[in-house]
C-alpha atoms as a PDB file:
ATOM      1  CA  MET A   1       0.000   0.000   0.000  1.00  0.00           C
ATOM      2  CA  ALA A   2       1.451   3.314  -1.035  1.00  0.00           C
ATOM      3  CA  LYS A   3       1.934   5.795   1.764  1.00  0.00           C
ATOM      4  CA  TYR A   4       0.810   9.342   1.277  1.00  0.00           C
ATOM      5  CA  SER A   5       1.950  12.396   3.121  1.00  0.00           C
ATOM      6  CA  ASN A   6       1.074  16.045   3.326  1.00  0.00           C
ATOM      7  CA  ARG A   7       3.778  16.648   0.710  1.00  0.00           C
ATOM      8  CA  GLN A   8       2.149  14.264  -1.774  1.00  0.00           C
ATOM      9  CA  ASP A   9      -1.403  15.470  -1.414  1.00  0.00           C
ATOM     10  CA  GLY A  10      -0.407  19.120  -1.249  1.00  0.00           C
ATOM     11  CA  TYR A  11      -2.001  19.888   2.126  1.00  0.00           C
ATOM     12  CA  PRO A  12       0.565  20.791   4.799  1.00  0.00           C
ATOM     13  CA  ALA A  13      -2.215  21.901   7.158  1.00  0.00           C
ATOM     14  CA  PHE A  14      -5.664  20.666   8.130  1.00  0.00           C
ATOM     15  CA  LEU A  15      -8.934  22.541   8.631  1.00  0.00           C
ATOM     16  CA  PHE A  16      -9.870  23.343  12.216  1.00  0.00           C
ATOM     17  CA  TYR A  17     -13.507  24.031  13.088  1.00  0.00           C
ATOM     18  CA  PRO A  18     -13.646  26.308  16.175  1.00  0.00           C
ATOM     19  CA  ASN A  19     -17.453  26.184  16.443  1.00  0.00           C
ATOM     20  CA  ASP A  20     -17.483  22.373  16.418  1.00  0.00           C
ATOM     21  CA  TRP A  21     -14.666  22.233  18.962  1.00  0.00           C
ATOM     22  CA  LEU A  22     -16.315  24.667  21.379  1.00  0.00           C
ATOM     23  CA  ALA A  23     -19.827  23.220  20.955  1.00  0.00           C
ATOM     24  CA  SER A  24     -18.917  19.521  21.173  1.00  0.00           C
ATOM     25  CA  PRO A  25     -20.602  18.052  24.295  1.00  0.00           C
ATOM     26  CA  ASP A  26     -18.346  14.980  24.121  1.00  0.00           C
ATOM     27  CA  LEU A  27     -15.137  16.995  24.154  1.00  0.00           C
ATOM     28  CA  ASN A  28     -16.370  19.584  26.649  1.00  0.00           C
ATOM     29  CA  SER A  29     -17.214  16.820  29.113  1.00  0.00           C
ATOM     30  CA  CYS A  30     -13.474  16.035  29.255  1.00  0.00           C
ATOM     31  CA  SER A  31     -10.836  17.785  31.332  1.00  0.00           C
ATOM     32  CA  LEU A  32      -8.673  20.525  29.826  1.00  0.00           C
ATOM     33  CA  GLU A  33      -5.691  18.151  30.075  1.00  0.00           C
ATOM     34  CA  ALA A  34      -7.531  15.531  27.989  1.00  0.00           C
ATOM     35  CA  GLN A  35      -8.507  18.169  25.424  1.00  0.00           C
ATOM     36  CA  GLY A  36      -4.867  19.199  25.122  1.00  0.00           C
ATOM     37  CA  LEU A  37      -3.858  15.588  24.511  1.00  0.00           C
ATOM     38  CA  TRP A  38      -6.543  15.292  21.825  1.00  0.00           C
ATOM     39  CA  ILE A  39      -5.245  18.253  19.794  1.00  0.00           C
ATOM     40  CA  LYS A  40      -1.744  16.703  19.960  1.00  0.00           C
ATOM     41  CA  MET A  41      -3.200  13.409  18.704  1.00  0.00           C
ATOM     42  CA  LEU A  42      -4.989  15.199  15.857  1.00  0.00           C
ATOM     43  CA  CYS A  43      -1.673  16.598  14.641  1.00  0.00           C
ATOM     44  CA  ILE A  44      -0.060  13.142  14.773  1.00  0.00           C
ATOM     45  CA  MET A  45      -3.026  11.559  12.955  1.00  0.00           C
ATOM     46  CA  TYR A  46      -2.872  14.169  10.204  1.00  0.00           C
ATOM     47  CA  LEU A  47       0.776  13.271   9.485  1.00  0.00           C
ATOM     48  CA  SER A  48       0.044   9.542   9.753  1.00  0.00           C
ATOM     49  CA  PRO A  49       0.635   7.320   6.677  1.00  0.00           C
ATOM     50  CA  LYS A  50      -3.097   6.525   6.966  1.00  0.00           C
ATOM     51  CA  ARG A  51      -4.741   9.892   7.466  1.00  0.00           C
ATOM     52  CA  GLY A  52      -6.878  10.131  10.584  1.00  0.00           C
ATOM     53  CA  VAL A  53      -5.396   7.001  12.237  1.00  0.00           C
ATOM     54  CA  LEU A  54      -2.940   7.189  15.143  1.00  0.00           C
ATOM     55  CA  LEU A  55       0.108   5.561  13.520  1.00  0.00           C
ATOM     56  CA  LEU A  56       3.865   6.071  13.417  1.00  0.00           C
ATOM     57  CA  SER A  57       5.466   6.917  10.062  1.00  0.00           C
ATOM     58  CA  SER A  58       6.346   3.218   9.795  1.00  0.00           C
ATOM     59  CA  GLY A  59       2.642   2.349   9.904  1.00  0.00           C
ATOM     60  CA  LYS A  60       2.842   0.838  13.405  1.00  0.00           C
ATOM     61  CA  GLN A  61       0.113   1.660  15.912  1.00  0.00           C
ATOM     62  CA  ILE A  62       0.969   4.203  18.584  1.00  0.00           C
ATOM     63  CA  GLU A  63       0.383   2.592  21.981  1.00  0.00           C
ATOM     64  CA  SER A  64      -0.036   4.504  25.249  1.00  0.00           C
ATOM     65  CA  LYS A  65       3.641   3.947  26.159  1.00  0.00           C
ATOM     66  CA  THR A  66       4.841   5.485  22.879  1.00  0.00           C
ATOM     67  CA  LEU A  67       2.325   8.316  23.103  1.00  0.00           C
ATOM     68  CA  ALA A  68       3.538   9.095  26.635  1.00  0.00           C
ATOM     69  CA  LYS A  69       7.106   9.476  25.325  1.00  0.00           C
ATOM     70  CA  MET A  70       5.938  11.723  22.496  1.00  0.00           C
ATOM     71  CA  CYS A  71       4.064  13.942  24.971  1.00  0.00           C
ATOM     72  CA  GLY A  72       6.765  13.918  27.634  1.00  0.00           C
ATOM     73  CA  ILE A  73       4.593  12.566  30.474  1.00  0.00           C
ATOM     74  CA  ASP A  74       4.183   9.216  32.245  1.00  0.00           C
ATOM     75  CA  GLU A  75       2.256   6.314  30.734  1.00  0.00           C
ATOM     76  CA  GLN A  76      -0.202   6.136  33.659  1.00  0.00           C
ATOM     77  CA  THR A  77      -1.388   9.691  33.002  1.00  0.00           C
ATOM     78  CA  ILE A  78      -1.694   9.035  29.258  1.00  0.00           C
ATOM     79  CA  SER A  79      -3.755   5.880  29.865  1.00  0.00           C
ATOM     80  CA  LYS A  80      -6.066   7.792  32.189  1.00  0.00           C
ATOM     81  CA  LEU A  81      -6.585  10.602  29.665  1.00  0.00           C
ATOM     82  CA  LEU A  82      -7.143   8.166  26.769  1.00  0.00           C
ATOM     83  CA  LYS A  83      -9.779   6.355  28.815  1.00  0.00           C
ATOM     84  CA  GLU A  84     -11.453   9.687  29.568  1.00  0.00           C
ATOM     85  CA  LEU A  85     -11.547  10.625  25.852  1.00  0.00           C
ATOM     86  CA  GLU A  86     -12.778   7.197  24.759  1.00  0.00           C
ATOM     87  CA  GLU A  87     -15.560   6.993  27.332  1.00  0.00           C
ATOM     88  CA  ALA A  88     -16.758  10.412  26.188  1.00  0.00           C
ATOM     89  CA  GLY A  89     -16.900   9.157  22.577  1.00  0.00           C
ATOM     90  CA  VAL A  90     -14.294  11.640  21.316  1.00  0.00           C
ATOM     91  CA  PHE A  91     -12.468   9.051  19.196  1.00  0.00           C
ATOM     92  CA  SER A  92     -13.213   5.613  17.740  1.00  0.00           C
ATOM     93  CA  ARG A  93     -11.168   2.464  17.119  1.00  0.00           C
ATOM     94  CA  LEU A  94     -10.701   0.328  14.018  1.00  0.00           C
ATOM     95  CA  ASP A  95     -11.040  -3.460  14.143  1.00  0.00           C
ATOM     96  CA  ASN A  96      -7.328  -3.717  14.996  1.00  0.00           C
ATOM     97  CA  GLN A  97      -7.939  -1.316  17.934  1.00  0.00           C
ATOM     98  CA  ALA A  98      -6.054   1.569  16.289  1.00  0.00           C
ATOM     99  CA  ILE A  99      -7.373   4.959  17.405  1.00  0.00           C
ATOM    100  CA  TYR A 100      -8.801   7.205  14.691  1.00  0.00           C
ATOM    101  CA  ASN A 101     -10.621  10.509  14.268  1.00  0.00           C
ATOM    102  CA  ARG A 102     -13.917   9.977  12.437  1.00  0.00           C
ATOM    103  CA  ARG A 103     -13.988  13.227  10.463  1.00  0.00           C
ATOM    104  CA  MET A 104     -10.309  13.206   9.442  1.00  0.00           C
ATOM    105  CA  TYR A 105     -10.496   9.525   8.499  1.00  0.00           C
ATOM    106  CA  ARG A 106     -13.602  10.091   6.354  1.00  0.00           C
ATOM    107  CA  GLU A 107     -12.076  13.093   4.583  1.00  0.00           C
ATOM    108  CA  GLY A 108      -8.908  11.050   3.960  1.00  0.00           C
ATOM    109  CA  GLN A 109     -10.963   8.286   2.317  1.00  0.00           C
ATOM    110  CA  ILE A 110     -12.701  10.787   0.054  1.00  0.00           C
ATOM    111  CA  SER A 111      -9.355  12.336  -0.925  1.00  0.00           C
ATOM    112  CA  GLU A 112      -7.943   8.869  -1.631  1.00  0.00           C
ATOM    113  CA  ALA A 113     -10.928   7.990  -3.850  1.00  0.00           C
ATOM    114  CA  ARG A 114     -10.396  11.166  -5.850  1.00  0.00           C
ATOM    115  CA  ARG A 115      -6.713  10.420  -6.330  1.00  0.00           C
ATOM    116  CA  GLU A 116      -7.623   6.941  -7.540  1.00  0.00           C
ATOM    117  CA  ALA A 117      -9.997   8.445 -10.104  1.00  0.00           C
ATOM    118  CA  GLY A 118      -7.193  10.754 -11.221  1.00  0.00           C
ATOM    119  CA  ARG A 119      -4.783   7.830 -11.500  1.00  0.00           C
ATOM    120  CA  LEU A 120      -7.197   5.957 -13.778  1.00  0.00           C
ATOM    121  CA  GLY A 121      -7.497   9.025 -15.957  1.00  0.00           C
ATOM    122  CA  GLY A 122      -3.715   9.532 -16.044  1.00  0.00           C
ATOM    123  CA  LYS A 123      -3.164   6.090 -17.566  1.00  0.00           C
ATOM    124  CA  LYS A 124      -4.897   7.209 -20.722  1.00  0.00           C
ATOM    125  CA  GLN A 125      -3.328  10.620 -20.873  1.00  0.00           C
ATOM    126  CA  ASN A 126      -2.678  11.651 -24.447  1.00  0.00           C
ATOM    127  CA  LYS A 127      -0.293  14.567 -24.842  1.00  0.00           C
ATOM    128  CA  SER A 128      -1.628  16.953 -27.454  1.00  0.00           C
ATOM    129  CA  LYS A 129      -0.971  20.561 -28.422  1.00  0.00           C
ATOM    130  CA  GLU A 130       0.769  22.662 -25.814  1.00  0.00           C
ATOM    131  CA  GLY A 131      -1.695  24.580 -23.696  1.00  0.00           C
ATOM    132  CA  SER A 132      -4.689  22.484 -24.822  1.00  0.00           C
ATOM    133  CA  LYS A 133      -6.787  20.412 -22.431  1.00  0.00           C
ATOM    134  CA  THR A 134      -5.745  16.725 -22.493  1.00  0.00           C
ATOM    135  CA  GLU A 135      -8.279  13.947 -22.717  1.00  0.00           C
ATOM    136  CA  ALA A 136      -6.990  12.497 -19.425  1.00  0.00           C
ATOM    137  CA  SER A 137      -7.573  15.752 -17.537  1.00  0.00           C
ATOM    138  CA  VAL A 138     -11.095  15.970 -18.904  1.00  0.00           C
ATOM    139  CA  GLU A 139     -11.664  12.339 -17.933  1.00  0.00           C
ATOM    140  CA  ASN A 140     -10.321  12.988 -14.448  1.00  0.00           C
ATOM    141  CA  GLU A 141     -12.712  15.890 -13.945  1.00  0.00           C
ATOM    142  CA  TYR A 142     -15.544  13.732 -15.210  1.00  0.00           C
ATOM    143  CA  TYR A 143     -14.811  10.980 -12.646  1.00  0.00           C
ATOM    144  CA  ILE A 144     -14.664  13.487  -9.808  1.00  0.00           C
ATOM    145  CA  ASN A 145     -17.949  15.074 -10.875  1.00  0.00           C
ATOM    146  CA  ILE A 146     -19.584  11.662 -10.957  1.00  0.00           C
ATOM    147  CA  GLU A 147     -18.174  10.803  -7.525  1.00  0.00           C
ATOM    148  CA  ASN A 148     -19.348  14.077  -5.987  1.00  0.00           C
ATOM    149  CA  LYS A 149     -22.797  13.588  -7.473  1.00  0.00           C
ATOM    150  CA  ASN A 150     -23.026  10.054  -6.039  1.00  0.00           C
ATOM    151  CA  ASN A 151     -21.813  11.198  -2.627  1.00  0.00           C
ATOM    152  CA  LYS A 152     -24.594  13.779  -2.480  1.00  0.00           C
ATOM    153  CA  GLU A 153     -27.168  11.186  -3.464  1.00  0.00           C
ATOM    154  CA  LYS A 154     -25.949   8.806  -0.739  1.00  0.00           C
ATOM    155  CA  GLU A 155     -26.305  11.420   1.961  1.00  0.00           C
ATOM    156  CA  GLY A 156     -30.073  10.957   1.674  1.00  0.00           C
ATOM    157  CA  ASP A 157     -31.912  14.168   1.078  1.00  0.00           C
ATOM    158  CA  CYS A 158     -29.736  17.196   0.367  1.00  0.00           C
ATOM    159  CA  LYS A 159     -30.385  20.526   2.024  1.00  0.00           C
ATOM    160  CA  GLU A 160     -32.253  21.920  -0.941  1.00  0.00           C
ATOM    161  CA  GLU A 161     -34.452  18.849  -1.136  1.00  0.00           C
ATOM    162  CA  GLY A 162     -34.967  18.745   2.609  1.00  0.00           C
ATOM    163  CA  LYS A 163     -36.118  22.362   2.722  1.00  0.00           C
ATOM    164  CA  GLU A 164     -38.426  22.041  -0.255  1.00  0.00           C
ATOM    165  CA  LYS A 165     -41.824  23.582   0.458  1.00  0.00           C
ATOM    166  CA  ILE A 166     -41.126  23.693   4.212  1.00  0.00           C
ATOM    167  CA  ASP A 167     -42.182  27.009   5.750  1.00  0.00           C
ATOM    168  CA  LYS A 168     -41.635  28.374   9.227  1.00  0.00           C
ATOM    169  CA  LYS A 169     -45.144  27.478  10.360  1.00  0.00           C
ATOM    170  CA  GLN A 170     -44.585  23.782   9.609  1.00  0.00           C
ATOM    171  CA  VAL A 171     -41.310  23.800  11.539  1.00  0.00           C
ATOM    172  CA  GLU A 172     -43.018  25.515  14.499  1.00  0.00           C
ATOM    173  CA  GLU A 173     -45.827  22.938  14.498  1.00  0.00           C
ATOM    174  CA  PHE A 174     -43.332  20.079  14.445  1.00  0.00           C
ATOM    175  CA  PHE A 175     -41.258  21.616  17.236  1.00  0.00           C
ATOM    176  CA  GLU A 176     -44.323  21.998  19.477  1.00  0.00           C
ATOM    177  CA  ARG A 177     -45.119  18.305  18.972  1.00  0.00           C
ATOM    178  CA  PHE A 178     -41.547  17.427  19.928  1.00  0.00           C
ATOM    179  CA  TRP A 179     -41.560  19.723  22.954  1.00  0.00           C
ATOM    180  CA  GLN A 180     -44.865  18.350  24.245  1.00  0.00           C
ATOM    181  CA  ALA A 181     -43.651  14.761  23.823  1.00  0.00           C
ATOM    182  CA  TYR A 182     -40.300  15.299  25.558  1.00  0.00           C
ATOM    183  CA  PRO A 183     -40.294  14.136  29.218  1.00  0.00           C
ATOM    184  CA  LYS A 184     -39.798  16.500  32.106  1.00  0.00           C
ATOM    185  CA  ARG A 185     -36.747  16.428  34.341  1.00  0.00           C
ATOM    186  CA  LYS A 186     -37.754  16.636  37.999  1.00  0.00           C
ATOM    187  CA  GLY A 187     -41.071  18.162  36.979  1.00  0.00           C
ATOM    188  CA  LYS A 188     -39.816  20.753  34.485  1.00  0.00           C
ATOM    189  CA  LYS A 189     -38.280  21.274  31.061  1.00  0.00           C
ATOM    190  CA  VAL A 190     -35.643  23.914  30.290  1.00  0.00           C
ATOM    191  CA  GLY A 191     -33.890  25.263  27.209  1.00  0.00           C
ATOM    192  CA  LYS A 192     -36.885  25.571  24.896  1.00  0.00           C
ATOM    193  CA  LYS A 193     -35.409  28.502  22.947  1.00  0.00           C
ATOM    194  CA  GLU A 194     -32.057  26.735  22.433  1.00  0.00           C
ATOM    195  CA  CYS A 195     -33.843  23.567  21.328  1.00  0.00           C
ATOM    196  CA  TRP A 196     -35.960  25.543  18.874  1.00  0.00           C
ATOM    197  CA  GLU A 197     -32.875  27.069  17.244  1.00  0.00           C
ATOM    198  CA  PHE A 198     -31.204  23.658  16.986  1.00  0.00           C
ATOM    199  CA  VAL A 199     -34.244  21.932  15.466  1.00  0.00           C
ATOM    200  CA  LYS A 200     -34.780  24.775  13.027  1.00  0.00           C
ATOM    201  CA  GLU A 201     -31.180  24.726  11.777  1.00  0.00           C
ATOM    202  CA  LYS A 202     -29.975  21.123  12.216  1.00  0.00           C
ATOM    203  CA  ILE A 203     -32.910  18.697  12.001  1.00  0.00           C
ATOM    204  CA  LYS A 204     -34.017  17.921   8.442  1.00  0.00           C
ATOM    205  CA  PRO A 205     -37.745  17.528   7.683  1.00  0.00           C
ATOM    206  CA  THR A 206     -36.951  13.972   6.576  1.00  0.00           C
ATOM    207  CA  GLU A 207     -35.833  13.240  10.158  1.00  0.00           C
ATOM    208  CA  TRP A 208     -38.942  14.627  11.883  1.00  0.00           C
ATOM    209  CA  ASP A 209     -40.804  11.323  12.128  1.00  0.00           C
ATOM    210  CA  ASP A 210     -37.765   9.525  13.521  1.00  0.00           C
ATOM    211  CA  LEU A 211     -37.132  12.255  16.096  1.00  0.00           C
ATOM    212  CA  LEU A 212     -40.741  12.143  17.316  1.00  0.00           C
ATOM    213  CA  LYS A 213     -40.649   8.343  17.517  1.00  0.00           C
ATOM    214  CA  ALA A 214     -37.350   8.467  19.424  1.00  0.00           C
ATOM    215  CA  THR A 215     -38.733  11.104  21.813  1.00  0.00           C
ATOM    216  CA  GLU A 216     -41.834   9.026  22.558  1.00  0.00           C
ATOM    217  CA  ASN A 217     -39.697   5.930  23.170  1.00  0.00           C
ATOM    218  CA  TYR A 218     -37.333   7.841  25.440  1.00  0.00           C
ATOM    219  CA  ALA A 219     -40.259   9.242  27.433  1.00  0.00           C
ATOM    220  CA  LYS A 220     -41.115   5.635  28.395  1.00  0.00           C
ATOM    221  CA  SER A 221     -37.607   4.745  29.586  1.00  0.00           C
ATOM    222  CA  ASP A 222     -36.651   4.227  33.236  1.00  0.00           C
ATOM    223  CA  GLU A 223     -34.772   7.472  33.690  1.00  0.00           C
ATOM    224  CA  SER A 224     -37.579   9.504  32.113  1.00  0.00           C
ATOM    225  CA  VAL A 225     -40.367   7.851  34.102  1.00  0.00           C
ATOM    226  CA  GLU A 226     -38.414   8.371  37.321  1.00  0.00           C
ATOM    227  CA  GLY A 227     -37.910  12.077  36.532  1.00  0.00           C
ATOM    228  CA  TYR A 228     -34.250  11.971  35.488  1.00  0.00           C
ATOM    229  CA  ALA A 229     -34.573  12.622  31.759  1.00  0.00           C
ATOM    230  CA  ARG A 230     -31.653  14.389  30.109  1.00  0.00           C
ATOM    231  CA  ASP A 231     -31.966  18.057  29.250  1.00  0.00           C
ATOM    232  CA  PRO A 232     -33.645  18.191  25.813  1.00  0.00           C
ATOM    233  CA  ILE A 233     -30.786  20.140  24.203  1.00  0.00           C
ATOM    234  CA  ARG A 234     -28.337  17.343  25.148  1.00  0.00           C
ATOM    235  CA  PHE A 235     -30.768  14.778  23.749  1.00  0.00           C
ATOM    236  CA  LEU A 236     -30.627  16.671  20.421  1.00  0.00           C
ATOM    237  CA  LYS A 237     -27.051  17.936  20.180  1.00  0.00           C
ATOM    238  CA  LYS A 238     -25.392  14.740  21.359  1.00  0.00           C
ATOM    239  CA  GLU A 239     -27.688  12.784  19.042  1.00  0.00           C
ATOM    240  CA  TYR A 240     -28.925  10.491  21.815  1.00  0.00           C
ATOM    241  CA  TRP A 241     -32.248  10.487  20.002  1.00  0.00           C
ATOM    242  CA  ARG A 242     -30.824   8.328  17.186  1.00  0.00           C
ATOM    243  CA  ASP A 243     -30.350   5.482  19.694  1.00  0.00           C
ATOM    244  CA  TRP A 244     -34.074   5.511  20.516  1.00  0.00           C
ATOM    245  CA  VAL A 245     -35.645   5.442  17.036  1.00  0.00           C
ATOM    246  CA  ASP A 246     -36.070   1.704  16.509  1.00  0.00           C
ATOM    247  CA  VAL A 247     -36.164   0.501  20.104  1.00  0.00           C
ATOM    248  CA  GLU A 248     -38.850  -2.129  20.701  1.00  0.00           C
ATOM    249  CA  LEU A 249     -40.374  -1.172  24.022  1.00  0.00           C
ATOM    250  CA  SER A 250     -41.632  -3.907  26.300  1.00  0.00           C
ATOM    251  CA  GLY A 251     -42.095  -2.303  29.669  1.00  0.00           C
ATOM    252  CA  LYS A 252     -39.132  -0.165  30.691  1.00  0.00           C
ATOM    253  CA  ILE A 253     -35.740  -0.130  28.970  1.00  0.00           C
ATOM    254  CA  LYS A 254     -32.670  -0.154  31.152  1.00  0.00           C
ATOM    255  CA  PHE A 255     -29.300   0.908  29.809  1.00  0.00           C
ATOM    256  CA  ASN A 256     -26.726   3.490  30.773  1.00  0.00           C
ATOM    257  CA  GLU A 257     -26.688   6.199  28.093  1.00  0.00           C
ATOM    258  CA  ASP A 258     -23.378   7.561  29.373  1.00  0.00           C
ATOM    259  CA  LYS A 259     -21.574   4.291  28.615  1.00  0.00           C
ATOM    260  CA  GLU A 260     -23.939   2.368  26.315  1.00  0.00           C
ATOM    261  CA  PHE A 261     -25.849   2.858  23.066  1.00  0.00           C
ATOM    262  CA  ILE A 262     -28.175   0.887  20.781  1.00  0.00           C
ATOM    263  CA  CYS A 263     -26.668  -0.265  17.471  1.00  0.00           C
ATOM    264  CA  ALA A 264     -28.621   1.057  14.470  1.00  0.00           C
ATOM    265  CA  ASP A 265     -28.357  -2.317  12.668  1.00  0.00           C
ATOM    266  CA  CYS A 266     -28.477  -5.184  15.163  1.00  0.00           C
ATOM    267  CA  LYS A 267     -30.542  -3.154  17.715  1.00  0.00           C
ATOM    268  CA  GLN A 268     -28.455  -4.538  20.584  1.00  0.00           C
ATOM    269  CA  ILE A 269     -27.239  -2.529  23.573  1.00  0.00           C
ATOM    270  CA  LYS A 270     -23.464  -2.081  23.204  1.00  0.00           C
ATOM    271  CA  GLN A 271     -20.656  -0.276  25.024  1.00  0.00           C
ATOM    272  CA  LYS A 272     -19.895   3.198  23.673  1.00  0.00           C
ATOM    273  CA  SER A 273     -16.262   2.152  23.289  1.00  0.00           C
ATOM    274  CA  GLU A 274     -17.534   0.004  20.388  1.00  0.00           C
ATOM    275  CA  ARG A 275     -19.492   2.817  18.734  1.00  0.00           C
ATOM    276  CA  GLU A 276     -18.615   3.748  15.150  1.00  0.00           C
ATOM    277  CA  TYR A 277     -20.313   6.313  12.918  1.00  0.00           C
ATOM    278  CA  GLY A 278     -20.918   5.710   9.215  1.00  0.00           C
ATOM    279  CA  GLU A 279     -21.296   8.152   6.331  1.00  0.00           C
ATOM    280  CA  ASP A 280     -25.061   8.082   6.962  1.00  0.00           C
ATOM    281  CA  GLY A 281     -24.555   9.375  10.506  1.00  0.00           C
ATOM    282  CA  SER A 282     -25.834   6.161  12.173  1.00  0.00           C
ATOM    283  CA  ALA A 283     -24.099   4.704  15.225  1.00  0.00           C
ATOM    284  CA  ARG A 284     -23.174   1.025  14.921  1.00  0.00           C
ATOM    285  CA  CYS A 285     -21.219  -1.543  16.910  1.00  0.00           C
ATOM    286  CA  ARG A 286     -17.836  -2.547  15.451  1.00  0.00           C
ATOM    287  CA  SER A 287     -19.141  -5.735  13.871  1.00  0.00           C
ATOM    288  CA  CYS A 288     -22.049  -4.028  12.097  1.00  0.00           C
ATOM    289  CA  HIS A 289     -19.871  -1.049  11.183  1.00  0.00           C
ATOM    290  CA  GLN A 290     -17.357  -3.346   9.472  1.00  0.00           C
ATOM    291  CA  LYS A 291     -20.143  -4.842   7.333  1.00  0.00           C
ATOM    292  CA  TYR A 292     -21.373  -1.321   6.558  1.00  0.00           C
ATOM    293  CA  ILE A 293     -17.867  -0.215   5.465  1.00  0.00           C
ATOM    294  CA  GLU A 294     -17.454  -3.279   3.239  1.00  0.00           C
ATOM    295  CA  ASN A 295     -20.752  -2.534   1.499  1.00  0.00           C
ATOM    296  CA  TRP A 296     -19.833   1.148   1.231  1.00  0.00           C
ATOM    297  CA  LYS A 297     -16.505   0.287  -0.464  1.00  0.00           C
ATOM    298  CA  LYS A 298     -18.243  -2.046  -2.906  1.00  0.00           C
ATOM    299  CA  GLU A 299     -20.682   0.701  -3.842  1.00  0.00           C
ATOM    300  CA  LYS A 300     -17.785   3.149  -4.280  1.00  0.00           C
ATOM    301  CA  GLU A 301     -15.954   0.738  -6.606  1.00  0.00           C
ATOM    302  CA  MET A 302     -19.129   0.187  -8.607  1.00  0.00           C
ATOM    303  CA  ASP A 303     -19.609   3.956  -8.944  1.00  0.00           C
ATOM    304  CA  ILE A 304     -16.061   4.408 -10.287  1.00  0.00           C
ATOM    305  CA  GLN A 305     -16.470   1.478 -12.680  1.00  0.00           C
ATOM    306  CA  LYS A 306     -19.817   2.817 -13.850  1.00  0.00           C
ATOM    307  CA  ALA A 307     -18.283   6.263 -14.454  1.00  0.00           C
ATOM    308  CA  LYS A 308     -15.413   4.683 -16.375  1.00  0.00           C
ATOM    309  CA  GLU A 309     -17.768   2.683 -18.607  1.00  0.00           C
ATOM    310  CA  GLU A 310     -19.948   5.691 -19.207  1.00  0.00           C
ATOM    311  CA  TRP A 311     -16.862   7.702 -20.207  1.00  0.00           C
ATOM    312  CA  GLN A 312     -15.808   5.039 -22.698  1.00  0.00           C
ATOM    313  CA  ARG A 313     -19.179   5.227 -24.420  1.00  0.00           C
ATOM    314  CA  LEU A 314     -18.827   8.939 -25.113  1.00  0.00           C
ATOM    315  CA  SER A 315     -17.658  10.187 -28.484  1.00  0.00           C
ATOM    316  CA  PRO A 316     -14.482  12.338 -28.711  1.00  0.00           C
ATOM    317  CA  GLU A 317     -16.685  15.420 -29.229  1.00  0.00           C
ATOM    318  CA  GLN A 318     -18.748  14.662 -26.116  1.00  0.00           C
ATOM    319  CA  LYS A 319     -15.588  14.097 -24.062  1.00  0.00           C
ATOM    320  CA  GLU A 320     -14.181  17.436 -25.143  1.00  0.00           C
ATOM    321  CA  LYS A 321     -17.401  19.229 -24.167  1.00  0.00           C
ATOM    322  CA  ARG A 322     -17.320  17.699 -20.690  1.00  0.00           C
END
């Protein structure tokens, strides 16, 4: 497997999202010391031979002992901070237990797929007049356009589609249904304004039914019935609601939401240390996530092959126009 570095892909720096960092409930539940370790790990993962995964330049996993040396502190402290970050759901692990950052890893996969499309186009590069556009470069652009189009389709409903014919009144009516259904905490509910802003900006109309179903299920859980429901804004922002969509309720459900979650595929209660997020935003256990990734890769390969075949069917004039 060919290694790639920031020199090869032309990106010596990575994007940092201050709003996401400051608003992340997972990260903000950790100590300042753990947050400092995480930013150090992000830098290491960006320079990793497999972007987003905590590896040495040789490709070997970075264990707590090695990480302690790199940070200049003792291994016991590192282990404690890593446990704190993992229990909060800040990072995930691959099947081989390597630590990785979900967003950086996903962006690295997309970048790798685009380079592969460019490599396929480069094989057929035909040098023509100086300054003119080569067939290979046109083909490369065509593959990338196809890939971007397919990625948008796989996300479900895009923003434009999700907002189609949805006016403020409809959003207000939905929010009132959600707010009425959400259980009280010790006899009261707080944060209505903050919840309204979040629902209005972040929850797609295509997710309304699932959110209502999840809210009704959660209202029947042990902690809700006993008056210890989470604040509604945490239920939304931390996406706890996704764990309650397809729960089959038979009496009361007992599981610790701080340490456990319900897999979107097998519907089993699992430890949060096993939680992995897919491109569709669903939380799965490692076993189900691996199956999801395998299917996702197959679909990606089929998309590239389909784009390649479609390109071959085009006439020279059509290729030049594209």
